[in-house]
């Protein structure tokens, strides 16, 4: 069984050195490099949580196939309703809150990486695609294993997307408090750097 921590370490060993080399080669500003590396770390964490734990032993997979009783959910609000009606508050917070938080950093980080994601609609579309990709990956993993191990749940897709949009709202509040010039310094945009040279 590959657990999230082990998968995260393996992905980090591959992705972080590659990202670091690209940033060094292009001589990206240190602050922007930190934003990019934070984004890469976030992607590693999401991939580890989405894909793992992952069974690799053939006997374990056969046993899980025989015992599998979970099904995918394609009915909107069905899982949310079941969780709210039949689970403790702690489970509700963990299941619903966890799905809301999964893509919240994505909605927050994307505008730091490119100006186009400052628009609500653009970030919303990107978050929706990311959420759909996560659920589709889980469906593919289950199809490959032969049982519903990683569930496709339309409610997870909805909650992930809402969480991503809340992340964009947090970004919007942050930029209003910090000022647009702070955002320009993080991106290292040409316009911001030109203004700094004029002031000097």
N, C-alpha and C. Protein backbone atom coordinates (compact mmCIF):
# COMPACT_ATOMS: atom_id res chain seq x y z
N UNK A 1 0.84 -1.20 0.00
CA UNK A 1 0.00 0.00 0.00
C UNK A 1 0.88 1.25 0.00
N UNK A 2 0.69 2.11 -0.98
CA UNK A 2 1.41 3.37 -1.03
C UNK A 2 0.59 4.43 -0.29
N UNK A 3 1.13 4.97 0.80
CA UNK A 3 0.41 5.94 1.61
C UNK A 3 0.72 7.35 1.11
N UNK A 4 -0.12 8.35 1.46
CA UNK A 4 0.09 9.72 0.96
C UNK A 4 1.47 10.28 1.25
N UNK A 5 2.01 10.02 2.45
CA UNK A 5 3.32 10.57 2.80
C UNK A 5 4.41 10.04 1.88
N UNK A 6 4.41 8.72 1.62
CA UNK A 6 5.41 8.13 0.74
C UNK A 6 5.28 8.65 -0.69
N UNK A 7 4.05 8.74 -1.19
CA UNK A 7 3.84 9.24 -2.54
C UNK A 7 4.25 10.71 -2.64
N UNK A 8 3.94 11.48 -1.60
CA UNK A 8 4.34 12.89 -1.59
C UNK A 8 5.85 13.05 -1.64
N UNK A 9 6.56 12.22 -0.90
CA UNK A 9 8.02 12.27 -0.92
C UNK A 9 8.58 11.94 -2.30
N UNK A 10 8.02 10.91 -2.92
CA UNK A 10 8.50 10.51 -4.25
C UNK A 10 8.25 11.60 -5.28
N UNK A 11 7.06 12.21 -5.22
CA UNK A 11 6.76 13.30 -6.15
C UNK A 11 7.66 14.51 -5.89
N UNK A 12 7.92 14.79 -4.61
CA UNK A 12 8.78 15.94 -4.27
C UNK A 12 10.19 15.74 -4.78
N UNK A 13 10.70 14.51 -4.71
CA UNK A 13 12.05 14.23 -5.19
C UNK A 13 12.19 14.50 -6.68
N UNK A 14 11.08 14.39 -7.41
CA UNK A 14 11.11 14.62 -8.85
C UNK A 14 10.77 16.07 -9.21
N UNK A 15 9.68 16.57 -8.63
CA UNK A 15 9.13 17.85 -9.06
C UNK A 15 9.89 19.07 -8.53
N UNK A 16 10.31 19.04 -7.26
CA UNK A 16 10.97 20.21 -6.68
C UNK A 16 12.33 20.52 -7.32
N UNK A 17 13.20 19.51 -7.54
CA UNK A 17 14.46 19.83 -8.22
C UNK A 17 14.24 20.36 -9.64
N UNK A 18 13.27 19.80 -10.36
CA UNK A 18 12.99 20.29 -11.72
C UNK A 18 12.51 21.73 -11.68
N UNK A 19 11.57 22.01 -10.77
CA UNK A 19 11.06 23.38 -10.65
C UNK A 19 12.16 24.35 -10.24
N UNK A 20 12.99 23.93 -9.28
CA UNK A 20 14.10 24.78 -8.83
C UNK A 20 15.08 25.08 -9.94
N UNK A 21 15.39 24.06 -10.75
CA UNK A 21 16.33 24.26 -11.86
C UNK A 21 15.76 25.24 -12.90
N UNK A 22 14.48 25.09 -13.21
CA UNK A 22 13.85 25.99 -14.19
C UNK A 22 13.84 27.42 -13.68
N UNK A 23 13.52 27.62 -12.41
CA UNK A 23 13.51 28.96 -11.83
C UNK A 23 14.90 29.57 -11.83
N UNK A 24 15.91 28.73 -11.50
CA UNK A 24 17.29 29.22 -11.49
C UNK A 24 17.76 29.56 -12.90
N UNK A 25 17.39 28.72 -13.87
CA UNK A 25 17.81 28.94 -15.25
C UNK A 25 17.21 30.22 -15.81
N UNK A 26 15.98 30.51 -15.47
CA UNK A 26 15.31 31.71 -15.98
C UNK A 26 15.55 32.94 -15.10
N UNK A 27 16.26 32.74 -14.01
CA UNK A 27 16.61 33.83 -13.10
C UNK A 27 15.37 34.60 -12.64
N UNK A 28 14.40 33.85 -12.19
CA UNK A 28 13.17 34.44 -11.67
C UNK A 28 13.46 35.10 -10.33
N UNK A 29 12.78 36.22 -10.07
CA UNK A 29 12.97 36.92 -8.80
C UNK A 29 12.71 35.99 -7.61
N UNK A 30 13.46 36.17 -6.51
CA UNK A 30 13.32 35.29 -5.36
C UNK A 30 11.89 35.21 -4.81
N UNK A 31 11.21 36.35 -4.72
CA UNK A 31 9.87 36.34 -4.15
C UNK A 31 8.91 35.57 -5.05
N UNK A 32 9.02 35.78 -6.35
CA UNK A 32 8.17 35.05 -7.27
C UNK A 32 8.54 33.57 -7.27
N UNK A 33 9.82 33.26 -7.16
CA UNK A 33 10.26 31.87 -7.10
C UNK A 33 9.62 31.17 -5.90
N UNK A 34 9.53 31.89 -4.78
CA UNK A 34 8.90 31.32 -3.59
C UNK A 34 7.43 31.01 -3.86
N UNK A 35 6.74 31.92 -4.59
CA UNK A 35 5.33 31.69 -4.93
C UNK A 35 5.19 30.46 -5.82
N UNK A 36 6.08 30.31 -6.79
CA UNK A 36 6.03 29.17 -7.70
C UNK A 36 6.31 27.87 -6.96
N UNK A 37 7.34 27.88 -6.10
CA UNK A 37 7.67 26.67 -5.34
C UNK A 37 6.54 26.30 -4.38
N UNK A 38 5.88 27.30 -3.81
CA UNK A 38 4.72 27.03 -2.94
C UNK A 38 3.62 26.34 -3.73
N UNK A 39 3.44 26.78 -4.97
CA UNK A 39 2.43 26.20 -5.84
C UNK A 39 2.78 24.74 -6.16
N UNK A 40 4.05 24.49 -6.43
CA UNK A 40 4.50 23.12 -6.74
C UNK A 40 4.30 22.22 -5.52
N UNK A 41 4.65 22.70 -4.34
CA UNK A 41 4.45 21.92 -3.12
C UNK A 41 2.97 21.62 -2.92
N UNK A 42 2.13 22.61 -3.19
CA UNK A 42 0.68 22.42 -3.08
C UNK A 42 0.20 21.33 -4.04
N UNK A 43 0.69 21.36 -5.28
CA UNK A 43 0.31 20.33 -6.24
C UNK A 43 0.74 18.94 -5.78
N UNK A 44 1.91 18.85 -5.17
CA UNK A 44 2.40 17.57 -4.66
C UNK A 44 1.47 17.05 -3.56
N UNK A 45 1.07 17.93 -2.65
CA UNK A 45 0.19 17.54 -1.55
C UNK A 45 -1.16 17.07 -2.10
N UNK A 46 -1.72 17.81 -3.05
CA UNK A 46 -3.01 17.44 -3.63
C UNK A 46 -2.92 16.09 -4.33
N UNK A 47 -1.86 15.90 -5.13
CA UNK A 47 -1.69 14.63 -5.84
C UNK A 47 -1.58 13.46 -4.86
N UNK A 48 -0.83 13.66 -3.78
CA UNK A 48 -0.67 12.59 -2.79
C UNK A 48 -2.00 12.27 -2.11
N UNK A 49 -2.79 13.30 -1.80
CA UNK A 49 -4.07 13.07 -1.14
C UNK A 49 -5.10 12.44 -2.07
N UNK A 50 -5.05 12.82 -3.33
CA UNK A 50 -6.02 12.32 -4.30
C UNK A 50 -5.73 10.87 -4.70
N UNK A 51 -4.46 10.54 -4.88
CA UNK A 51 -4.09 9.22 -5.40
C UNK A 51 -3.86 8.17 -4.32
N UNK A 52 -3.39 8.60 -3.16
CA UNK A 52 -3.04 7.64 -2.11
C UNK A 52 -4.05 7.71 -0.97
N UNK A 53 -4.17 6.63 -0.17
CA UNK A 53 -3.41 5.37 -0.26
C UNK A 53 -3.80 4.56 -1.49
N UNK A 54 -2.81 3.94 -2.08
CA UNK A 54 -3.00 3.22 -3.33
C UNK A 54 -2.51 1.78 -3.17
N UNK A 55 -3.40 0.79 -3.31
CA UNK A 55 -2.98 -0.60 -3.18
C UNK A 55 -2.17 -1.05 -4.39
N UNK A 56 -1.08 -1.75 -4.15
CA UNK A 56 -0.24 -2.24 -5.24
C UNK A 56 -0.08 -3.76 -5.20
N UNK A 57 -0.37 -4.36 -4.04
CA UNK A 57 -0.25 -5.81 -3.91
C UNK A 57 -1.46 -6.49 -4.57
N UNK A 58 -1.21 -7.48 -5.41
CA UNK A 58 -2.28 -8.14 -6.16
C UNK A 58 -3.29 -8.82 -5.24
N UNK A 59 -2.81 -9.48 -4.19
CA UNK A 59 -3.72 -10.15 -3.27
C UNK A 59 -4.60 -9.15 -2.53
N UNK A 60 -4.00 -8.03 -2.13
CA UNK A 60 -4.77 -6.99 -1.44
C UNK A 60 -5.85 -6.42 -2.36
N UNK A 61 -5.51 -6.21 -3.62
CA UNK A 61 -6.48 -5.69 -4.58
C UNK A 61 -7.63 -6.68 -4.75
N UNK A 62 -7.30 -7.97 -4.84
CA UNK A 62 -8.35 -9.00 -4.97
C UNK A 62 -9.26 -9.02 -3.75
N UNK A 63 -8.66 -8.89 -2.56
CA UNK A 63 -9.45 -8.88 -1.33
C UNK A 63 -10.37 -7.66 -1.29
N UNK A 64 -9.85 -6.52 -1.71
CA UNK A 64 -10.65 -5.30 -1.70
C UNK A 64 -11.78 -5.37 -2.73
N UNK A 65 -11.50 -6.03 -3.85
CA UNK A 65 -12.56 -6.21 -4.85
C UNK A 65 -13.70 -7.04 -4.28
N UNK A 66 -13.35 -8.06 -3.51
CA UNK A 66 -14.37 -8.95 -2.95
C UNK A 66 -15.19 -8.25 -1.87
N UNK A 67 -14.55 -7.31 -1.16
CA UNK A 67 -15.22 -6.65 -0.04
C UNK A 67 -15.82 -5.31 -0.42
N UNK A 68 -15.54 -4.83 -1.61
CA UNK A 68 -15.95 -3.47 -1.98
C UNK A 68 -17.47 -3.33 -1.95
N UNK A 69 -17.92 -2.24 -1.31
CA UNK A 69 -19.37 -2.00 -1.25
C UNK A 69 -19.71 -0.53 -1.54
N UNK A 70 -18.69 0.29 -1.77
CA UNK A 70 -18.93 1.71 -2.04
C UNK A 70 -19.25 1.94 -3.51
N UNK A 71 -20.02 2.98 -3.79
CA UNK A 71 -20.39 3.30 -5.16
C UNK A 71 -20.12 4.77 -5.45
N UNK A 72 -19.92 5.05 -6.72
CA UNK A 72 -19.75 6.44 -7.14
C UNK A 72 -21.08 7.18 -6.99
N UNK A 73 -21.00 8.49 -6.85
CA UNK A 73 -22.21 9.29 -6.71
C UNK A 73 -22.30 10.31 -7.84
N UNK A 74 -23.34 10.22 -8.64
CA UNK A 74 -23.57 11.16 -9.74
C UNK A 74 -24.81 12.02 -9.50
N UNK A 75 -25.38 11.94 -8.29
CA UNK A 75 -26.59 12.70 -7.96
C UNK A 75 -26.20 13.92 -7.13
N UNK A 76 -26.37 15.13 -7.66
CA UNK A 76 -25.98 16.34 -6.92
C UNK A 76 -26.66 16.44 -5.55
N UNK A 77 -25.87 16.84 -4.56
CA UNK A 77 -26.30 17.08 -3.18
C UNK A 77 -26.67 15.82 -2.40
N UNK A 78 -26.56 14.65 -3.01
CA UNK A 78 -26.91 13.41 -2.32
C UNK A 78 -25.96 13.12 -1.17
N UNK A 79 -24.66 13.19 -1.42
CA UNK A 79 -23.68 12.92 -0.37
C UNK A 79 -23.71 13.99 0.70
N UNK A 80 -23.84 15.24 0.30
CA UNK A 80 -23.90 16.34 1.27
C UNK A 80 -25.08 16.15 2.21
N UNK A 81 -26.22 15.78 1.65
CA UNK A 81 -27.42 15.56 2.46
C UNK A 81 -27.21 14.39 3.43
N UNK A 82 -26.61 13.32 2.95
CA UNK A 82 -26.38 12.15 3.81
C UNK A 82 -25.43 12.48 4.95
N UNK A 83 -24.38 13.25 4.64
CA UNK A 83 -23.41 13.63 5.67
C UNK A 83 -24.05 14.53 6.71
N UNK A 84 -24.84 15.49 6.27
CA UNK A 84 -25.48 16.42 7.20
C UNK A 84 -26.53 15.74 8.07
N UNK A 85 -27.18 14.73 7.53
CA UNK A 85 -28.28 14.08 8.26
C UNK A 85 -27.82 12.89 9.11
N UNK A 86 -26.73 12.23 8.71
CA UNK A 86 -26.39 10.97 9.37
C UNK A 86 -25.03 10.90 10.03
N UNK A 87 -24.30 12.03 10.11
CA UNK A 87 -22.96 11.99 10.67
C UNK A 87 -22.83 12.98 11.82
N UNK A 88 -21.81 12.75 12.64
CA UNK A 88 -21.53 13.67 13.74
C UNK A 88 -20.96 14.97 13.19
N UNK A 89 -20.94 15.99 14.03
CA UNK A 89 -20.41 17.29 13.61
C UNK A 89 -18.95 17.17 13.19
N UNK A 90 -18.18 16.36 13.92
CA UNK A 90 -16.77 16.19 13.60
C UNK A 90 -16.59 15.59 12.21
N UNK A 91 -17.40 14.59 11.88
CA UNK A 91 -17.32 13.97 10.55
C UNK A 91 -17.79 14.95 9.49
N UNK A 92 -18.81 15.72 9.78
CA UNK A 92 -19.30 16.72 8.83
C UNK A 92 -18.22 17.74 8.51
N UNK A 93 -17.53 18.21 9.54
CA UNK A 93 -16.47 19.19 9.34
C UNK A 93 -15.33 18.58 8.54
N UNK A 94 -14.96 17.33 8.86
CA UNK A 94 -13.86 16.69 8.17
C UNK A 94 -14.18 16.43 6.70
N UNK A 95 -15.37 15.92 6.42
CA UNK A 95 -15.70 15.56 5.05
C UNK A 95 -16.03 16.79 4.19
N UNK A 96 -16.93 17.63 4.70
CA UNK A 96 -17.33 18.79 3.91
C UNK A 96 -16.26 19.88 3.93
N UNK A 97 -15.70 20.12 5.13
CA UNK A 97 -14.65 21.14 5.24
C UNK A 97 -13.40 20.74 4.48
N UNK A 98 -13.06 19.45 4.51
CA UNK A 98 -11.88 18.99 3.78
C UNK A 98 -12.00 19.21 2.29
N UNK A 99 -13.18 18.95 1.75
CA UNK A 99 -13.40 19.17 0.31
C UNK A 99 -13.39 20.65 -0.04
N UNK A 100 -13.88 21.49 0.86
CA UNK A 100 -13.84 22.93 0.61
C UNK A 100 -12.40 23.45 0.62
N UNK A 101 -11.58 22.89 1.51
CA UNK A 101 -10.21 23.37 1.66
C UNK A 101 -9.26 22.86 0.58
N UNK A 102 -9.62 21.76 -0.07
CA UNK A 102 -8.69 21.11 -1.00
C UNK A 102 -8.20 22.05 -2.09
N UNK A 103 -9.10 22.80 -2.72
CA UNK A 103 -8.71 23.68 -3.82
C UNK A 103 -8.69 25.15 -3.44
N UNK A 104 -8.94 25.47 -2.17
CA UNK A 104 -8.87 26.87 -1.74
C UNK A 104 -7.48 27.48 -2.00
N UNK A 105 -6.38 26.76 -1.71
CA UNK A 105 -5.06 27.33 -2.03
C UNK A 105 -4.87 27.57 -3.53
N UNK A 106 -5.50 26.75 -4.36
CA UNK A 106 -5.39 26.95 -5.81
C UNK A 106 -6.00 28.29 -6.21
N UNK A 107 -7.20 28.57 -5.71
CA UNK A 107 -7.84 29.85 -6.01
C UNK A 107 -7.05 31.03 -5.48
N UNK A 108 -6.33 30.82 -4.40
CA UNK A 108 -5.52 31.90 -3.83
C UNK A 108 -4.21 32.10 -4.56
N UNK A 109 -3.57 31.01 -4.98
CA UNK A 109 -2.24 31.09 -5.57
C UNK A 109 -2.22 31.45 -7.05
N UNK A 110 -3.22 31.00 -7.80
CA UNK A 110 -3.21 31.24 -9.24
C UNK A 110 -3.03 32.71 -9.63
N UNK A 111 -3.74 33.66 -8.98
CA UNK A 111 -3.56 35.06 -9.36
C UNK A 111 -2.15 35.58 -9.12
N UNK A 112 -1.41 34.97 -8.21
CA UNK A 112 -0.03 35.39 -7.98
C UNK A 112 0.88 34.95 -9.12
N UNK A 113 0.46 33.90 -9.83
CA UNK A 113 1.31 33.34 -10.88
C UNK A 113 1.05 33.98 -12.24
N UNK A 114 -0.18 34.45 -12.47
CA UNK A 114 -0.48 35.08 -13.76
C UNK A 114 -1.62 36.07 -13.61
N UNK A 115 -1.49 37.17 -14.31
CA UNK A 115 -2.45 38.26 -14.18
C UNK A 115 -3.87 37.88 -14.61
N UNK A 116 -3.99 36.97 -15.57
CA UNK A 116 -5.32 36.62 -16.07
C UNK A 116 -6.21 36.01 -14.99
N UNK A 117 -5.57 35.39 -13.97
CA UNK A 117 -6.35 34.75 -12.91
C UNK A 117 -6.83 35.74 -11.85
N UNK A 118 -6.55 37.02 -12.05
CA UNK A 118 -7.14 38.03 -11.17
C UNK A 118 -8.64 38.14 -11.42
N UNK A 119 -9.09 37.69 -12.56
CA UNK A 119 -10.51 37.72 -12.89
C UNK A 119 -11.21 36.53 -12.24
N UNK A 120 -12.34 36.80 -11.63
CA UNK A 120 -13.12 35.77 -10.95
C UNK A 120 -13.52 34.64 -11.89
N UNK A 121 -13.98 35.01 -13.10
CA UNK A 121 -14.46 34.00 -14.04
C UNK A 121 -13.33 33.09 -14.51
N UNK A 122 -12.17 33.65 -14.76
CA UNK A 122 -11.04 32.85 -15.23
C UNK A 122 -10.59 31.86 -14.16
N UNK A 123 -10.45 32.36 -12.94
CA UNK A 123 -10.07 31.47 -11.84
C UNK A 123 -11.16 30.43 -11.59
N UNK A 124 -12.42 30.85 -11.67
CA UNK A 124 -13.53 29.92 -11.47
C UNK A 124 -13.49 28.79 -12.48
N UNK A 125 -13.21 29.11 -13.74
CA UNK A 125 -13.13 28.08 -14.77
C UNK A 125 -11.95 27.14 -14.49
N UNK A 126 -10.81 27.70 -14.11
CA UNK A 126 -9.62 26.88 -13.82
C UNK A 126 -9.87 25.95 -12.63
N UNK A 127 -10.53 26.47 -11.61
CA UNK A 127 -10.83 25.67 -10.42
C UNK A 127 -11.80 24.54 -10.76
N UNK A 128 -12.81 24.86 -11.58
CA UNK A 128 -13.77 23.84 -11.99
C UNK A 128 -13.09 22.72 -12.78
N UNK A 129 -12.20 23.09 -13.69
CA UNK A 129 -11.45 22.09 -14.47
C UNK A 129 -10.57 21.24 -13.55
N UNK A 130 -9.92 21.89 -12.57
CA UNK A 130 -9.07 21.15 -11.64
C UNK A 130 -9.89 20.17 -10.81
N UNK A 131 -11.06 20.62 -10.34
CA UNK A 131 -11.93 19.74 -9.56
C UNK A 131 -12.42 18.56 -10.39
N UNK A 132 -12.79 18.84 -11.63
CA UNK A 132 -13.24 17.77 -12.53
C UNK A 132 -12.10 16.79 -12.81
N UNK A 133 -10.89 17.31 -12.97
CA UNK A 133 -9.73 16.44 -13.21
C UNK A 133 -9.47 15.52 -12.02
N UNK A 134 -9.64 16.04 -10.80
CA UNK A 134 -9.44 15.23 -9.60
C UNK A 134 -10.45 14.09 -9.55
N UNK A 135 -11.72 14.42 -9.76
CA UNK A 135 -12.77 13.40 -9.69
C UNK A 135 -12.62 12.40 -10.83
N UNK A 136 -12.24 12.87 -12.01
CA UNK A 136 -12.05 11.96 -13.15
C UNK A 136 -10.87 11.02 -12.89
N UNK A 137 -9.82 11.53 -12.25
CA UNK A 137 -8.67 10.70 -11.90
C UNK A 137 -9.07 9.60 -10.93
N UNK A 138 -9.88 9.97 -9.94
CA UNK A 138 -10.34 8.97 -8.98
C UNK A 138 -11.23 7.92 -9.63
N UNK A 139 -12.03 8.35 -10.59
CA UNK A 139 -12.86 7.40 -11.33
C UNK A 139 -12.00 6.45 -12.16
N UNK A 140 -10.95 6.99 -12.78
CA UNK A 140 -10.04 6.17 -13.58
C UNK A 140 -9.28 5.17 -12.71
N UNK A 141 -8.84 5.63 -11.53
CA UNK A 141 -8.14 4.74 -10.61
C UNK A 141 -9.03 3.57 -10.21
N UNK A 142 -10.29 3.89 -9.91
CA UNK A 142 -11.24 2.83 -9.54
C UNK A 142 -11.50 1.88 -10.70
N UNK A 143 -11.62 2.43 -11.91
CA UNK A 143 -11.84 1.59 -13.10
C UNK A 143 -10.65 0.67 -13.33
N UNK A 144 -9.44 1.19 -13.11
CA UNK A 144 -8.23 0.40 -13.31
C UNK A 144 -8.15 -0.73 -12.28
N UNK A 145 -8.52 -0.43 -11.02
CA UNK A 145 -8.46 -1.43 -9.96
C UNK A 145 -9.60 -2.43 -10.03
N UNK A 146 -10.70 -2.03 -10.65
CA UNK A 146 -11.83 -2.94 -10.79
C UNK A 146 -12.88 -2.83 -9.70
N UNK A 147 -12.79 -1.81 -8.86
CA UNK A 147 -13.80 -1.56 -7.84
C UNK A 147 -13.74 -0.09 -7.43
N UNK A 148 -14.79 0.38 -6.76
CA UNK A 148 -14.88 1.80 -6.39
C UNK A 148 -13.98 2.09 -5.19
N UNK A 149 -12.68 2.25 -5.45
CA UNK A 149 -11.72 2.51 -4.39
C UNK A 149 -11.59 4.02 -4.15
N UNK A 150 -11.32 4.75 -5.20
CA UNK A 150 -11.32 6.21 -5.17
C UNK A 150 -12.61 6.67 -5.83
N UNK A 151 -13.52 7.20 -5.04
CA UNK A 151 -14.87 7.46 -5.52
C UNK A 151 -14.98 8.75 -6.32
N UNK A 152 -15.73 8.67 -7.42
CA UNK A 152 -16.16 9.88 -8.10
C UNK A 152 -17.43 10.36 -7.40
N UNK A 153 -17.42 11.61 -6.95
CA UNK A 153 -18.58 12.16 -6.25
C UNK A 153 -18.84 13.57 -6.77
N UNK A 154 -19.98 13.77 -7.38
CA UNK A 154 -20.31 15.07 -7.95
C UNK A 154 -20.38 16.13 -6.85
N UNK A 155 -20.71 15.74 -5.63
CA UNK A 155 -20.74 16.69 -4.52
C UNK A 155 -19.33 17.14 -4.14
N UNK A 156 -18.36 16.23 -4.21
CA UNK A 156 -16.96 16.60 -3.98
C UNK A 156 -16.52 17.62 -5.02
N UNK A 157 -16.91 17.39 -6.26
CA UNK A 157 -16.58 18.32 -7.34
C UNK A 157 -17.14 19.71 -7.02
N UNK A 158 -18.39 19.75 -6.57
CA UNK A 158 -19.03 21.01 -6.24
C UNK A 158 -18.33 21.71 -5.08
N UNK A 159 -18.04 20.97 -4.02
CA UNK A 159 -17.40 21.55 -2.84
C UNK A 159 -15.98 22.01 -3.15
N UNK A 160 -15.25 21.21 -3.94
CA UNK A 160 -13.89 21.62 -4.34
C UNK A 160 -13.92 22.94 -5.09
N UNK A 161 -14.87 23.06 -6.03
CA UNK A 161 -14.97 24.28 -6.84
C UNK A 161 -15.33 25.49 -5.98
N UNK A 162 -16.26 25.31 -5.06
CA UNK A 162 -16.64 26.40 -4.16
C UNK A 162 -15.46 26.82 -3.29
N UNK A 163 -14.72 25.83 -2.80
CA UNK A 163 -13.53 26.13 -2.01
C UNK A 163 -12.50 26.91 -2.79
N UNK A 164 -12.29 26.55 -4.06
CA UNK A 164 -11.36 27.28 -4.90
C UNK A 164 -11.78 28.73 -5.09
N UNK A 165 -13.08 28.96 -5.27
CA UNK A 165 -13.59 30.32 -5.42
C UNK A 165 -13.44 31.11 -4.12
N UNK A 166 -13.61 30.44 -2.98
CA UNK A 166 -13.37 31.11 -1.70
C UNK A 166 -11.90 31.50 -1.56
N UNK A 167 -11.01 30.67 -2.12
CA UNK A 167 -9.60 31.03 -2.13
C UNK A 167 -9.35 32.28 -2.94
N UNK A 168 -10.05 32.42 -4.08
CA UNK A 168 -9.92 33.64 -4.90
C UNK A 168 -10.44 34.85 -4.12
N UNK A 169 -11.54 34.67 -3.39
CA UNK A 169 -12.06 35.77 -2.57
C UNK A 169 -11.02 36.19 -1.52
N UNK A 170 -10.35 35.21 -0.91
CA UNK A 170 -9.29 35.52 0.05
C UNK A 170 -8.16 36.28 -0.63
N UNK A 171 -7.81 35.89 -1.86
CA UNK A 171 -6.80 36.62 -2.63
C UNK A 171 -7.24 38.07 -2.86
N UNK A 172 -8.49 38.25 -3.25
CA UNK A 172 -9.01 39.58 -3.52
C UNK A 172 -8.95 40.47 -2.28
N UNK A 173 -9.32 39.92 -1.14
CA UNK A 173 -9.24 40.67 0.12
C UNK A 173 -7.80 41.01 0.45
N UNK A 174 -6.91 40.04 0.23
CA UNK A 174 -5.49 40.25 0.52
C UNK A 174 -4.92 41.39 -0.32
N UNK A 175 -5.22 41.40 -1.62
CA UNK A 175 -4.65 42.43 -2.48
C UNK A 175 -5.20 43.82 -2.15
N UNK A 176 -6.44 43.88 -1.69
CA UNK A 176 -7.00 45.17 -1.30
C UNK A 176 -6.32 45.70 -0.05
N UNK A 177 -5.98 44.79 0.85
CA UNK A 177 -5.31 45.20 2.08
C UNK A 177 -3.85 45.55 1.81
N UNK A 178 -3.16 44.69 1.01
CA UNK A 178 -1.74 44.87 0.76
C UNK A 178 -1.47 45.89 -0.33
N UNK A 179 -2.41 46.10 -1.26
CA UNK A 179 -2.18 47.01 -2.37
C UNK A 179 -1.69 46.26 -3.59
N UNK A 180 -2.04 46.75 -4.77
CA UNK A 180 -1.68 46.07 -6.03
C UNK A 180 -0.18 46.05 -6.26
N UNK A 181 0.54 47.03 -5.72
CA UNK A 181 1.99 47.05 -5.94
C UNK A 181 2.66 45.88 -5.25
N UNK A 182 2.12 45.46 -4.13
CA UNK A 182 2.67 44.27 -3.47
C UNK A 182 2.52 43.05 -4.36
N UNK A 183 1.37 42.97 -5.06
CA UNK A 183 1.14 41.86 -5.97
C UNK A 183 2.12 41.93 -7.14
N UNK A 184 2.36 43.15 -7.65
CA UNK A 184 3.31 43.30 -8.73
C UNK A 184 4.71 42.89 -8.34
N UNK A 185 5.09 43.17 -7.12
CA UNK A 185 6.43 42.78 -6.67
C UNK A 185 6.57 41.28 -6.56
N UNK A 186 5.48 40.61 -6.16
CA UNK A 186 5.52 39.16 -6.06
C UNK A 186 5.66 38.54 -7.44
N UNK A 187 4.90 39.05 -8.42
CA UNK A 187 4.99 38.51 -9.77
C UNK A 187 6.27 38.94 -10.47
N UNK A 188 6.83 40.09 -10.05
CA UNK A 188 7.99 40.61 -10.78
C UNK A 188 7.59 41.14 -12.13
N UNK A 189 6.40 41.75 -12.24
CA UNK A 189 5.92 42.22 -13.54
C UNK A 189 6.75 43.37 -14.05
N UNK A 190 6.81 43.48 -15.36
CA UNK A 190 7.62 44.51 -15.99
C UNK A 190 7.15 45.91 -15.60
N UNK A 191 5.82 46.11 -15.58
CA UNK A 191 5.27 47.43 -15.26
C UNK A 191 5.68 47.85 -13.86
N UNK A 192 5.62 46.92 -12.91
CA UNK A 192 5.98 47.25 -11.53
C UNK A 192 7.46 47.59 -11.45
N UNK A 193 8.30 46.81 -12.11
CA UNK A 193 9.74 47.05 -12.05
C UNK A 193 10.11 48.38 -12.69
N UNK A 194 9.41 48.75 -13.77
CA UNK A 194 9.66 50.04 -14.40
C UNK A 194 9.31 51.19 -13.47
N UNK A 195 8.20 51.04 -12.74
CA UNK A 195 7.81 52.07 -11.78
C UNK A 195 8.87 52.22 -10.69
N UNK A 196 9.42 51.08 -10.25
CA UNK A 196 10.43 51.12 -9.22
C UNK A 196 11.68 51.83 -9.71
N UNK A 197 12.07 51.62 -10.97
CA UNK A 197 13.25 52.27 -11.53
C UNK A 197 13.03 53.78 -11.62
N UNK A 198 11.82 54.18 -12.00
CA UNK A 198 11.52 55.62 -12.11
C UNK A 198 11.61 56.28 -10.75
N UNK A 199 11.14 55.61 -9.72
CA UNK A 199 11.19 56.18 -8.37
C UNK A 199 12.62 56.33 -7.89
N UNK A 200 13.46 55.36 -8.26
CA UNK A 200 14.87 55.41 -7.86
C UNK A 200 15.58 56.57 -8.57
